[in-house]
Amino acid sequence: MPQLFKDEIDKSWQEYVEQVGAELAQGTPFWTEALNEILAGGKKLF
């Protein structure tokens, strides 16, 4: 599934970094947790 949505995931990550800043984005698991919740039904796919 990660490859299926690669472009959208990459774009989402860039937008997240722009909104919260690189330090917070890279230093916290929030984005990955949200991605797993939304696309993987809560499983740790990403």
Protein backbone atom coordinates (compact mmCIF):
# COMPACT_ATOMS: atom_id res chain seq x y z
CA MET A 1 0.00 0.00 0.00
CA PRO A 2 2.77 2.56 0.70
CA GLN A 3 3.84 2.45 -2.98
CA LEU A 4 0.26 2.87 -4.16
CA PHE A 5 0.01 6.24 -2.41
CA LYS A 6 3.68 7.30 -2.63
CA ASP A 7 3.12 10.63 -4.40
CA GLU A 8 0.25 11.62 -2.13
CA ILE A 9 2.20 10.58 0.98
CA ASP A 10 5.26 12.57 -0.12
CA LYS A 11 3.11 15.64 -0.78
CA SER A 12 1.39 15.25 2.58
CA TRP A 13 4.76 15.02 4.37
CA GLN A 14 6.03 18.18 2.67
CA GLU A 15 2.88 20.08 3.62
CA TYR A 16 3.17 18.85 7.22
CA VAL A 17 6.81 19.97 7.44
CA GLU A 18 5.85 23.39 6.09
CA GLN A 19 3.10 23.74 8.69
CA VAL A 20 4.92 22.56 11.82
CA GLY A 21 8.58 23.00 10.91
CA ALA A 22 11.22 20.40 10.17
CA GLU A 23 12.40 19.98 13.77
CA LEU A 24 8.95 19.10 15.12
CA ALA A 25 8.03 17.01 12.06
CA GLN A 26 11.19 14.91 12.25
CA GLY A 27 11.38 14.79 16.04
CA THR A 28 7.88 13.48 16.76
CA PRO A 29 5.85 10.47 15.60
CA PHE A 30 2.62 12.42 15.08
CA TRP A 31 2.58 12.38 11.26
CA THR A 32 3.44 8.68 11.01
CA GLU A 33 0.86 7.80 13.65
CA ALA A 34 -1.80 9.75 11.76
CA LEU A 35 -0.79 8.13 8.47
CA ASN A 36 -1.06 4.67 10.01
CA GLU A 37 -4.43 5.52 11.56
CA ILE A 38 -5.87 6.91 8.33
CA LEU A 39 -4.42 4.60 5.67
CA ALA A 40 -3.65 1.43 7.60
CA GLY A 41 -6.56 1.26 9.98
CA GLY A 42 -4.28 1.74 12.99
CA LYS A 43 -1.71 -0.89 11.97
CA LYS A 44 1.96 0.09 11.86
CA LEU A 45 2.37 -0.03 8.11
CA PHE A 46 4.47 3.12 7.76
